[in-house]
Amino acid sequence: MKLWKENKNDKQWELDNREIAKQFLKSKYAELDYLNYYGIGRALTSFICASDGLNSVWDWDEKKGSIDGSPDVLEIIKICREAMK
């Protein structure tokens, strides 16, 4: 997934979707209370954006939104759901 650290154009970086899922699942954002309250999509996007997460933003189709408009986010959610079984 292509990311931009601190939402800055000059801080573009990439991280494998499986690695993002792995880090997310180890974070507080994947704890059951958080997931039950926010759902996996919102919890994941919070993790990606949060300063105690990846502190980054990503590109998505604005008409579809930050989750449905990003094939990467949808893939990461799928990876996380499989790992949580």
N, C-alpha and C. Protein backbone atom coordinates (compact mmCIF):
# COMPACT_ATOMS: atom_id res chain seq x y z
N MET A 1 0.85 -1.17 0.00
CA MET A 1 0.00 0.00 0.00
C MET A 1 0.89 1.23 0.00
N LYS A 2 0.54 2.18 -0.82
CA LYS A 2 1.28 3.44 -0.88
C LYS A 2 0.72 4.37 0.20
N LEU A 3 1.60 4.92 1.01
CA LEU A 3 1.21 5.77 2.14
C LEU A 3 2.00 7.08 2.10
N TRP A 4 1.49 8.05 2.82
CA TRP A 4 2.18 9.33 2.99
C TRP A 4 2.24 9.63 4.48
N LYS A 5 3.45 9.58 5.02
CA LYS A 5 3.67 9.84 6.44
C LYS A 5 3.31 11.28 6.75
N GLU A 6 2.56 11.46 7.83
CA GLU A 6 2.15 12.78 8.32
C GLU A 6 1.42 13.60 7.26
N ASN A 7 0.83 12.92 6.26
CA ASN A 7 0.08 13.58 5.19
C ASN A 7 0.95 14.57 4.41
N LYS A 8 2.22 14.22 4.22
CA LYS A 8 3.15 15.11 3.51
C LYS A 8 3.58 14.47 2.20
N ASN A 9 3.50 15.26 1.12
CA ASN A 9 3.84 14.77 -0.21
C ASN A 9 5.26 14.22 -0.31
N ASP A 10 6.18 14.79 0.43
CA ASP A 10 7.58 14.37 0.33
C ASP A 10 7.91 13.19 1.24
N LYS A 11 6.90 12.61 1.90
CA LYS A 11 7.13 11.49 2.80
C LYS A 11 6.36 10.24 2.37
N GLN A 12 6.38 9.99 1.05
CA GLN A 12 5.71 8.80 0.53
C GLN A 12 6.51 7.55 0.89
N TRP A 13 5.79 6.50 1.25
CA TRP A 13 6.42 5.22 1.55
C TRP A 13 5.44 4.10 1.27
N GLU A 14 5.92 2.89 1.24
CA GLU A 14 5.05 1.75 0.97
C GLU A 14 5.26 0.68 2.02
N LEU A 15 4.18 -0.04 2.30
CA LEU A 15 4.22 -1.14 3.23
C LEU A 15 3.30 -2.23 2.69
N ASP A 16 3.76 -3.46 2.73
CA ASP A 16 2.98 -4.59 2.25
C ASP A 16 1.67 -4.70 3.04
N ASN A 17 0.59 -5.02 2.35
CA ASN A 17 -0.72 -5.12 3.00
C ASN A 17 -0.73 -6.14 4.13
N ARG A 18 -0.01 -7.23 3.96
CA ARG A 18 0.07 -8.25 5.03
C ARG A 18 0.80 -7.69 6.25
N GLU A 19 1.80 -6.86 6.02
CA GLU A 19 2.52 -6.25 7.14
C GLU A 19 1.64 -5.23 7.87
N ILE A 20 0.86 -4.48 7.12
CA ILE A 20 -0.07 -3.54 7.75
C ILE A 20 -1.06 -4.32 8.61
N ALA A 21 -1.60 -5.41 8.07
CA ALA A 21 -2.55 -6.24 8.83
C ALA A 21 -1.89 -6.78 10.10
N LYS A 22 -0.66 -7.25 9.98
CA LYS A 22 0.07 -7.80 11.12
C LYS A 22 0.25 -6.75 12.22
N GLN A 23 0.68 -5.55 11.82
CA GLN A 23 0.87 -4.48 12.80
C GLN A 23 -0.45 -4.05 13.42
N PHE A 24 -1.50 -3.96 12.59
CA PHE A 24 -2.82 -3.59 13.09
C PHE A 24 -3.29 -4.59 14.14
N LEU A 25 -3.16 -5.88 13.85
CA LEU A 25 -3.64 -6.92 14.76
C LEU A 25 -2.89 -6.92 16.09
N LYS A 26 -1.68 -6.38 16.13
CA LYS A 26 -0.90 -6.28 17.37
C LYS A 26 -1.22 -4.99 18.14
N SER A 27 -1.95 -4.09 17.51
CA SER A 27 -2.20 -2.77 18.10
C SER A 27 -3.45 -2.75 18.99
N LYS A 28 -3.59 -1.67 19.72
CA LYS A 28 -4.79 -1.48 20.55
C LYS A 28 -6.04 -1.34 19.70
N TYR A 29 -5.87 -0.96 18.43
CA TYR A 29 -7.01 -0.76 17.55
C TYR A 29 -7.69 -2.07 17.18
N ALA A 30 -7.03 -3.18 17.40
CA ALA A 30 -7.62 -4.49 17.10
C ALA A 30 -8.17 -5.17 18.35
N GLU A 31 -8.15 -4.48 19.49
CA GLU A 31 -8.71 -5.05 20.71
C GLU A 31 -10.22 -5.15 20.57
N LEU A 32 -10.78 -6.17 21.18
CA LEU A 32 -12.18 -6.50 21.02
C LEU A 32 -13.13 -5.34 21.31
N ASP A 33 -12.90 -4.61 22.39
CA ASP A 33 -13.78 -3.48 22.72
C ASP A 33 -13.77 -2.43 21.61
N TYR A 34 -12.59 -2.15 21.10
CA TYR A 34 -12.46 -1.15 20.03
C TYR A 34 -13.15 -1.64 18.77
N LEU A 35 -12.93 -2.91 18.41
CA LEU A 35 -13.55 -3.48 17.21
C LEU A 35 -15.07 -3.52 17.34
N ASN A 36 -15.57 -3.90 18.50
CA ASN A 36 -17.02 -3.97 18.70
C ASN A 36 -17.67 -2.60 18.59
N TYR A 37 -16.98 -1.58 19.05
CA TYR A 37 -17.55 -0.23 19.02
C TYR A 37 -17.45 0.40 17.63
N TYR A 38 -16.28 0.29 16.99
CA TYR A 38 -16.05 0.99 15.72
C TYR A 38 -16.20 0.11 14.48
N GLY A 39 -16.01 -1.18 14.62
CA GLY A 39 -15.98 -2.06 13.45
C GLY A 39 -14.57 -2.12 12.88
N ILE A 40 -14.28 -3.17 12.15
CA ILE A 40 -12.91 -3.39 11.68
C ILE A 40 -12.46 -2.31 10.68
N GLY A 41 -13.34 -1.86 9.81
CA GLY A 41 -12.95 -0.85 8.83
C GLY A 41 -12.52 0.44 9.46
N ARG A 42 -13.32 0.94 10.37
CA ARG A 42 -12.99 2.20 11.03
C ARG A 42 -11.78 2.04 11.96
N ALA A 43 -11.69 0.88 12.61
CA ALA A 43 -10.54 0.63 13.49
C ALA A 43 -9.25 0.61 12.67
N LEU A 44 -9.28 -0.04 11.51
CA LEU A 44 -8.10 -0.10 10.66
C LEU A 44 -7.72 1.28 10.15
N THR A 45 -8.67 2.04 9.67
CA THR A 45 -8.35 3.36 9.16
C THR A 45 -7.85 4.28 10.28
N SER A 46 -8.38 4.11 11.47
CA SER A 46 -7.86 4.88 12.62
C SER A 46 -6.41 4.52 12.88
N PHE A 47 -6.10 3.23 12.84
CA PHE A 47 -4.72 2.77 13.06
C PHE A 47 -3.77 3.35 12.02
N ILE A 48 -4.19 3.35 10.77
CA ILE A 48 -3.33 3.87 9.70
C ILE A 48 -3.05 5.36 9.92
N CYS A 49 -4.06 6.11 10.33
CA CYS A 49 -3.92 7.57 10.48
C CYS A 49 -3.31 8.01 11.80
N ALA A 50 -3.51 7.25 12.86
CA ALA A 50 -3.14 7.69 14.20
C ALA A 50 -1.63 7.82 14.39
N SER A 51 -1.24 8.78 15.23
CA SER A 51 0.18 8.99 15.50
C SER A 51 0.79 7.80 16.24
N ASP A 52 -0.03 7.02 16.96
CA ASP A 52 0.49 5.81 17.60
C ASP A 52 0.26 4.57 16.73
N GLY A 53 -0.14 4.81 15.48
CA GLY A 53 -0.25 3.75 14.48
C GLY A 53 0.78 4.02 13.39
N LEU A 54 0.31 4.06 12.15
CA LEU A 54 1.23 4.31 11.03
C LEU A 54 1.43 5.80 10.74
N ASN A 55 0.59 6.65 11.33
CA ASN A 55 0.71 8.11 11.18
C ASN A 55 0.78 8.51 9.70
N SER A 56 -0.14 7.94 8.91
CA SER A 56 -0.10 8.14 7.47
C SER A 56 -1.50 8.30 6.88
N VAL A 57 -1.52 8.70 5.62
CA VAL A 57 -2.75 8.74 4.84
C VAL A 57 -2.50 7.91 3.58
N TRP A 58 -3.57 7.61 2.86
CA TRP A 58 -3.48 6.81 1.64
C TRP A 58 -4.43 7.39 0.62
N ASP A 59 -4.29 6.95 -0.62
CA ASP A 59 -5.10 7.44 -1.71
C ASP A 59 -6.35 6.57 -1.85
N TRP A 60 -7.50 7.19 -2.09
CA TRP A 60 -8.73 6.45 -2.31
C TRP A 60 -9.67 7.23 -3.21
N ASP A 61 -10.66 6.53 -3.73
CA ASP A 61 -11.70 7.13 -4.57
C ASP A 61 -12.67 7.86 -3.65
N GLU A 62 -12.69 9.17 -3.73
CA GLU A 62 -13.51 9.97 -2.81
C GLU A 62 -15.00 9.67 -2.94
N LYS A 63 -15.46 9.26 -4.11
CA LYS A 63 -16.88 8.93 -4.29
C LYS A 63 -17.26 7.69 -3.51
N LYS A 64 -16.31 6.79 -3.27
CA LYS A 64 -16.58 5.54 -2.56
C LYS A 64 -16.19 5.61 -1.09
N GLY A 65 -15.35 6.55 -0.73
CA GLY A 65 -14.92 6.68 0.66
C GLY A 65 -13.57 6.04 0.93
N SER A 66 -13.07 6.23 2.13
CA SER A 66 -11.71 5.80 2.47
C SER A 66 -11.57 4.29 2.59
N ILE A 67 -12.68 3.59 2.82
CA ILE A 67 -12.60 2.12 2.94
C ILE A 67 -12.97 1.49 1.61
N ASP A 68 -14.19 1.67 1.15
CA ASP A 68 -14.64 1.05 -0.10
C ASP A 68 -13.92 1.61 -1.32
N GLY A 69 -13.34 2.77 -1.21
CA GLY A 69 -12.63 3.39 -2.32
C GLY A 69 -11.17 3.01 -2.40
N SER A 70 -10.75 2.08 -1.56
CA SER A 70 -9.35 1.65 -1.57
C SER A 70 -9.27 0.13 -1.62
N PRO A 71 -8.85 -0.42 -2.76
CA PRO A 71 -8.67 -1.88 -2.83
C PRO A 71 -7.69 -2.40 -1.79
N ASP A 72 -6.69 -1.60 -1.44
CA ASP A 72 -5.72 -2.02 -0.43
C ASP A 72 -6.38 -2.18 0.94
N VAL A 73 -7.18 -1.21 1.35
CA VAL A 73 -7.85 -1.30 2.65
C VAL A 73 -8.78 -2.50 2.66
N LEU A 74 -9.51 -2.74 1.58
CA LEU A 74 -10.40 -3.89 1.53
C LEU A 74 -9.61 -5.19 1.65
N GLU A 75 -8.46 -5.26 1.01
CA GLU A 75 -7.62 -6.46 1.12
C GLU A 75 -7.09 -6.64 2.54
N ILE A 76 -6.68 -5.56 3.18
CA ILE A 76 -6.16 -5.64 4.55
C ILE A 76 -7.26 -6.11 5.49
N ILE A 77 -8.48 -5.62 5.32
CA ILE A 77 -9.60 -6.07 6.14
C ILE A 77 -9.81 -7.57 5.96
N LYS A 78 -9.75 -8.04 4.73
CA LYS A 78 -9.92 -9.46 4.45
C LYS A 78 -8.82 -10.29 5.14
N ILE A 79 -7.58 -9.83 5.05
CA ILE A 79 -6.46 -10.51 5.70
C ILE A 79 -6.69 -10.56 7.22
N CYS A 80 -7.12 -9.47 7.79
CA CYS A 80 -7.36 -9.40 9.24
C CYS A 80 -8.49 -10.33 9.64
N ARG A 81 -9.57 -10.34 8.90
CA ARG A 81 -10.69 -11.24 9.23
C ARG A 81 -10.27 -12.69 9.19
N GLU A 82 -9.46 -13.06 8.20
CA GLU A 82 -8.98 -14.43 8.10
C GLU A 82 -8.10 -14.77 9.31
N ALA A 83 -7.27 -13.84 9.72
CA ALA A 83 -6.37 -14.07 10.85
C ALA A 83 -7.13 -14.15 12.18
N MET A 84 -8.28 -13.50 12.27
CA MET A 84 -9.07 -13.47 13.51
C MET A 84 -9.93 -14.71 13.70
N LYS A 85 -10.06 -15.52 12.67
CA LYS A 85 -10.90 -16.72 12.79
C LYS A 85 -10.37 -17.71 13.78
